[in-house]
Amino acid sequence: CLARDIVNIVACEDAERIERYEVAGKWRARMTMAGFTVYPINTSVDNSIRPLFESRGNNYRLKAEKGALHLGWLDKVLVVVSAWHLESHSMIK
């Protein structure tokens, strides 16, 4: 389901590039400022996904970093998967 996005991110530059995702650091900062805390991805999720990546060849990457999973192709991170929870429910109105 992400094939078009992946091709666009990996192969296209400048005007040809349609997909323009924000970097994970910006999302992390926004979520933190809004009162959320990263809820680390469980190692069982990592362990169940990793064999799928490894079975597809050496070009796919899966890296756990700062509580999130970074899914990539070669040296390019394509998608970051993370979970968050609200520290204080008093912020919700």
N, C-alpha and C. Protein backbone atom coordinates (compact mmCIF):
# COMPACT_ATOMS: atom_id res chain seq x y z
N CYS A 1 0.82 -1.21 0.00
CA CYS A 1 0.00 0.00 0.00
C CYS A 1 0.86 1.26 0.00
N LEU A 2 2.14 1.13 0.32
CA LEU A 2 3.02 2.29 0.35
C LEU A 2 3.93 2.38 -0.87
N ALA A 3 3.73 1.50 -1.86
CA ALA A 3 4.65 1.42 -3.00
C ALA A 3 4.86 2.78 -3.68
N ARG A 4 3.78 3.49 -3.98
CA ARG A 4 3.91 4.78 -4.67
C ARG A 4 4.68 5.78 -3.80
N ASP A 5 4.37 5.82 -2.51
CA ASP A 5 5.06 6.72 -1.59
C ASP A 5 6.55 6.39 -1.53
N ILE A 6 6.87 5.11 -1.44
CA ILE A 6 8.27 4.69 -1.33
C ILE A 6 9.04 5.08 -2.58
N VAL A 7 8.48 4.79 -3.75
CA VAL A 7 9.15 5.16 -5.00
C VAL A 7 9.36 6.66 -5.05
N ASN A 8 8.36 7.43 -4.67
CA ASN A 8 8.47 8.89 -4.71
C ASN A 8 9.54 9.40 -3.75
N ILE A 9 9.60 8.84 -2.55
CA ILE A 9 10.58 9.27 -1.55
C ILE A 9 11.99 8.89 -1.96
N VAL A 10 12.16 7.68 -2.47
CA VAL A 10 13.49 7.16 -2.79
C VAL A 10 14.01 7.69 -4.12
N ALA A 11 13.16 7.74 -5.14
CA ALA A 11 13.64 8.00 -6.50
C ALA A 11 13.44 9.41 -7.01
N CYS A 12 12.60 10.20 -6.38
CA CYS A 12 12.26 11.51 -6.95
C CYS A 12 12.84 12.65 -6.11
N GLU A 13 13.20 13.70 -6.81
CA GLU A 13 13.71 14.91 -6.15
C GLU A 13 13.05 16.14 -6.77
N ASP A 14 13.19 17.26 -6.10
CA ASP A 14 12.72 18.56 -6.56
C ASP A 14 11.23 18.53 -6.94
N ALA A 15 10.90 18.99 -8.15
CA ALA A 15 9.50 19.11 -8.56
C ALA A 15 8.81 17.76 -8.72
N GLU A 16 9.58 16.70 -9.00
CA GLU A 16 9.00 15.37 -9.17
C GLU A 16 8.58 14.76 -7.84
N ARG A 17 9.13 15.27 -6.77
CA ARG A 17 8.83 14.71 -5.45
C ARG A 17 7.49 15.23 -4.96
N ILE A 18 6.54 14.34 -4.77
CA ILE A 18 5.20 14.70 -4.32
C ILE A 18 5.08 14.54 -2.81
N GLU A 19 5.57 13.42 -2.31
CA GLU A 19 5.47 13.13 -0.89
C GLU A 19 6.51 13.92 -0.11
N ARG A 20 6.07 14.67 0.87
CA ARG A 20 6.98 15.47 1.70
C ARG A 20 6.60 15.29 3.16
N TYR A 21 7.05 14.20 3.70
CA TYR A 21 6.76 13.92 5.10
C TYR A 21 7.66 14.74 6.00
N GLU A 22 7.20 15.00 7.20
CA GLU A 22 8.03 15.69 8.18
C GLU A 22 8.95 14.69 8.86
N VAL A 23 10.09 15.16 9.27
CA VAL A 23 11.04 14.28 9.94
C VAL A 23 10.51 13.89 11.31
N ALA A 24 10.96 12.73 11.79
CA ALA A 24 10.47 12.20 13.07
C ALA A 24 10.77 13.14 14.23
N GLY A 25 11.89 13.84 14.19
CA GLY A 25 12.25 14.76 15.26
C GLY A 25 11.22 15.87 15.45
N LYS A 26 10.66 16.37 14.35
CA LYS A 26 9.63 17.42 14.45
C LYS A 26 8.36 16.87 15.09
N TRP A 27 7.96 15.67 14.70
CA TRP A 27 6.78 15.06 15.30
C TRP A 27 7.01 14.81 16.77
N ARG A 28 8.19 14.32 17.10
CA ARG A 28 8.52 14.06 18.51
C ARG A 28 8.41 15.35 19.31
N ALA A 29 8.95 16.44 18.80
CA ALA A 29 8.89 17.73 19.50
C ALA A 29 7.45 18.21 19.65
N ARG A 30 6.65 18.09 18.60
CA ARG A 30 5.25 18.52 18.66
C ARG A 30 4.46 17.71 19.69
N MET A 31 4.65 16.41 19.65
CA MET A 31 3.91 15.55 20.57
C MET A 31 4.33 15.83 22.02
N THR A 32 5.61 16.03 22.25
CA THR A 32 6.11 16.32 23.59
C THR A 32 5.56 17.65 24.09
N MET A 33 5.57 18.68 23.24
CA MET A 33 5.04 19.99 23.63
C MET A 33 3.55 19.92 23.93
N ALA A 34 2.84 18.98 23.30
CA ALA A 34 1.41 18.83 23.54
C ALA A 34 1.11 17.99 24.78
N GLY A 35 2.16 17.54 25.47
CA GLY A 35 1.96 16.80 26.71
C GLY A 35 1.99 15.29 26.57
N PHE A 36 2.34 14.80 25.39
CA PHE A 36 2.40 13.37 25.18
C PHE A 36 3.80 12.84 25.46
N THR A 37 3.86 11.57 25.82
CA THR A 37 5.11 10.87 26.05
C THR A 37 5.14 9.65 25.14
N VAL A 38 6.31 9.39 24.58
CA VAL A 38 6.43 8.22 23.71
C VAL A 38 6.19 6.96 24.54
N TYR A 39 5.42 6.07 23.97
CA TYR A 39 5.14 4.77 24.58
C TYR A 39 5.92 3.76 23.75
N PRO A 40 7.06 3.29 24.26
CA PRO A 40 7.96 2.48 23.44
C PRO A 40 7.28 1.27 22.80
N ILE A 41 7.66 1.04 21.54
CA ILE A 41 7.17 -0.13 20.82
C ILE A 41 7.71 -1.37 21.52
N ASN A 42 6.84 -2.30 21.79
CA ASN A 42 7.21 -3.52 22.49
C ASN A 42 8.22 -4.33 21.68
N THR A 43 9.17 -4.93 22.35
CA THR A 43 10.19 -5.72 21.65
C THR A 43 9.58 -6.91 20.90
N SER A 44 8.43 -7.41 21.36
CA SER A 44 7.79 -8.51 20.63
C SER A 44 7.31 -8.07 19.25
N VAL A 45 6.91 -6.80 19.13
CA VAL A 45 6.52 -6.25 17.83
C VAL A 45 7.75 -6.20 16.93
N ASP A 46 8.84 -5.66 17.46
CA ASP A 46 10.10 -5.60 16.72
C ASP A 46 10.52 -7.00 16.28
N ASN A 47 10.48 -7.95 17.21
CA ASN A 47 10.91 -9.32 16.92
C ASN A 47 10.02 -10.02 15.89
N SER A 48 8.75 -9.65 15.81
CA SER A 48 7.86 -10.27 14.83
C SER A 48 8.00 -9.63 13.45
N ILE A 49 8.35 -8.36 13.40
CA ILE A 49 8.49 -7.66 12.12
C ILE A 49 9.87 -7.89 11.50
N ARG A 50 10.90 -7.95 12.31
CA ARG A 50 12.28 -8.06 11.81
C ARG A 50 12.48 -9.23 10.83
N PRO A 51 11.97 -10.44 11.12
CA PRO A 51 12.16 -11.53 10.14
C PRO A 51 11.54 -11.24 8.78
N LEU A 52 10.43 -10.49 8.75
CA LEU A 52 9.81 -10.12 7.48
C LEU A 52 10.75 -9.25 6.66
N PHE A 53 11.40 -8.30 7.32
CA PHE A 53 12.35 -7.43 6.64
C PHE A 53 13.55 -8.23 6.15
N GLU A 54 14.08 -9.07 7.01
CA GLU A 54 15.28 -9.85 6.66
C GLU A 54 14.99 -10.83 5.52
N SER A 55 13.77 -11.33 5.42
CA SER A 55 13.44 -12.27 4.35
C SER A 55 13.31 -11.59 3.00
N ARG A 56 13.19 -10.28 2.98
CA ARG A 56 13.04 -9.53 1.73
C ARG A 56 14.37 -9.13 1.11
N GLY A 57 15.46 -9.35 1.81
CA GLY A 57 16.77 -9.00 1.26
C GLY A 57 17.51 -8.03 2.16
N ASN A 58 18.69 -7.68 1.74
CA ASN A 58 19.58 -6.84 2.55
C ASN A 58 19.30 -5.35 2.44
N ASN A 59 18.44 -4.95 1.54
CA ASN A 59 18.22 -3.51 1.31
C ASN A 59 17.23 -2.88 2.28
N TYR A 60 16.37 -3.69 2.87
CA TYR A 60 15.39 -3.17 3.81
C TYR A 60 16.03 -3.02 5.18
N ARG A 61 15.64 -1.98 5.89
CA ARG A 61 16.20 -1.71 7.21
C ARG A 61 15.08 -1.56 8.22
N LEU A 62 15.35 -2.03 9.42
CA LEU A 62 14.44 -1.85 10.55
C LEU A 62 15.32 -1.54 11.75
N LYS A 63 15.11 -0.35 12.32
CA LYS A 63 15.95 0.07 13.44
C LYS A 63 15.05 0.60 14.55
N ALA A 64 15.28 0.12 15.75
CA ALA A 64 14.57 0.64 16.93
C ALA A 64 15.40 1.80 17.48
N GLU A 65 14.75 2.97 17.63
CA GLU A 65 15.46 4.15 18.12
C GLU A 65 14.49 5.06 18.85
N LYS A 66 14.84 5.47 20.04
CA LYS A 66 14.04 6.41 20.85
C LYS A 66 12.60 5.95 21.01
N GLY A 67 12.40 4.64 21.19
CA GLY A 67 11.07 4.10 21.42
C GLY A 67 10.24 3.91 20.18
N ALA A 68 10.80 4.15 19.00
CA ALA A 68 10.07 4.01 17.74
C ALA A 68 10.78 3.03 16.83
N LEU A 69 10.07 2.55 15.82
CA LEU A 69 10.67 1.70 14.79
C LEU A 69 10.84 2.52 13.53
N HIS A 70 12.04 2.52 12.99
CA HIS A 70 12.36 3.23 11.76
C HIS A 70 12.46 2.20 10.64
N LEU A 71 11.57 2.28 9.66
CA LEU A 71 11.55 1.36 8.55
C LEU A 71 12.16 2.05 7.35
N GLY A 72 13.12 1.39 6.71
CA GLY A 72 13.82 2.07 5.63
C GLY A 72 14.23 1.19 4.49
N TRP A 73 14.78 1.86 3.49
CA TRP A 73 15.34 1.23 2.30
C TRP A 73 16.75 1.79 2.16
N LEU A 74 17.74 0.90 2.19
CA LEU A 74 19.15 1.27 2.18
C LEU A 74 19.40 2.25 3.33
N ASP A 75 19.89 3.46 3.04
CA ASP A 75 20.20 4.41 4.11
C ASP A 75 19.08 5.43 4.33
N LYS A 76 17.93 5.23 3.70
CA LYS A 76 16.84 6.21 3.75
C LYS A 76 15.70 5.70 4.63
N VAL A 77 15.39 6.43 5.70
CA VAL A 77 14.24 6.09 6.55
C VAL A 77 12.99 6.51 5.79
N LEU A 78 12.06 5.57 5.63
CA LEU A 78 10.83 5.86 4.90
C LEU A 78 9.66 6.15 5.81
N VAL A 79 9.54 5.37 6.88
CA VAL A 79 8.41 5.50 7.80
C VAL A 79 8.90 5.27 9.21
N VAL A 80 8.40 6.07 10.14
CA VAL A 80 8.69 5.86 11.56
C VAL A 80 7.37 5.51 12.24
N VAL A 81 7.39 4.40 12.96
CA VAL A 81 6.21 3.94 13.67
C VAL A 81 6.42 4.22 15.15
N SER A 82 5.48 4.92 15.75
CA SER A 82 5.60 5.23 17.17
C SER A 82 4.22 5.25 17.81
N ALA A 83 4.21 5.11 19.13
CA ALA A 83 2.97 5.17 19.90
C ALA A 83 3.17 6.20 21.01
N TRP A 84 2.10 6.90 21.36
CA TRP A 84 2.19 7.98 22.35
C TRP A 84 1.05 7.87 23.34
N HIS A 85 1.26 8.38 24.54
CA HIS A 85 0.18 8.48 25.50
C HIS A 85 0.25 9.85 26.17
N LEU A 86 -0.90 10.31 26.60
CA LEU A 86 -1.00 11.63 27.23
C LEU A 86 -0.63 11.47 28.70
N GLU A 87 0.36 12.25 29.13
CA GLU A 87 0.85 12.17 30.52
C GLU A 87 -0.21 12.57 31.52
N SER A 88 -0.88 13.65 31.24
CA SER A 88 -1.86 14.16 32.21
C SER A 88 -3.18 14.39 31.51
N HIS A 89 -4.22 13.76 32.04
CA HIS A 89 -5.54 13.95 31.44
C HIS A 89 -6.13 15.31 31.77
N SER A 90 -5.48 16.06 32.66
CA SER A 90 -5.99 17.39 33.01
C SER A 90 -5.82 18.36 31.86
N MET A 91 -5.02 18.01 30.85
CA MET A 91 -4.83 18.89 29.70
C MET A 91 -6.02 18.82 28.75
N ILE A 92 -6.79 17.73 28.82
CA ILE A 92 -7.93 17.58 27.93
C ILE A 92 -9.11 18.37 28.48
N LYS A 93 -9.72 19.17 27.62
CA LYS A 93 -10.86 19.99 28.04
C LYS A 93 -12.09 19.58 27.28
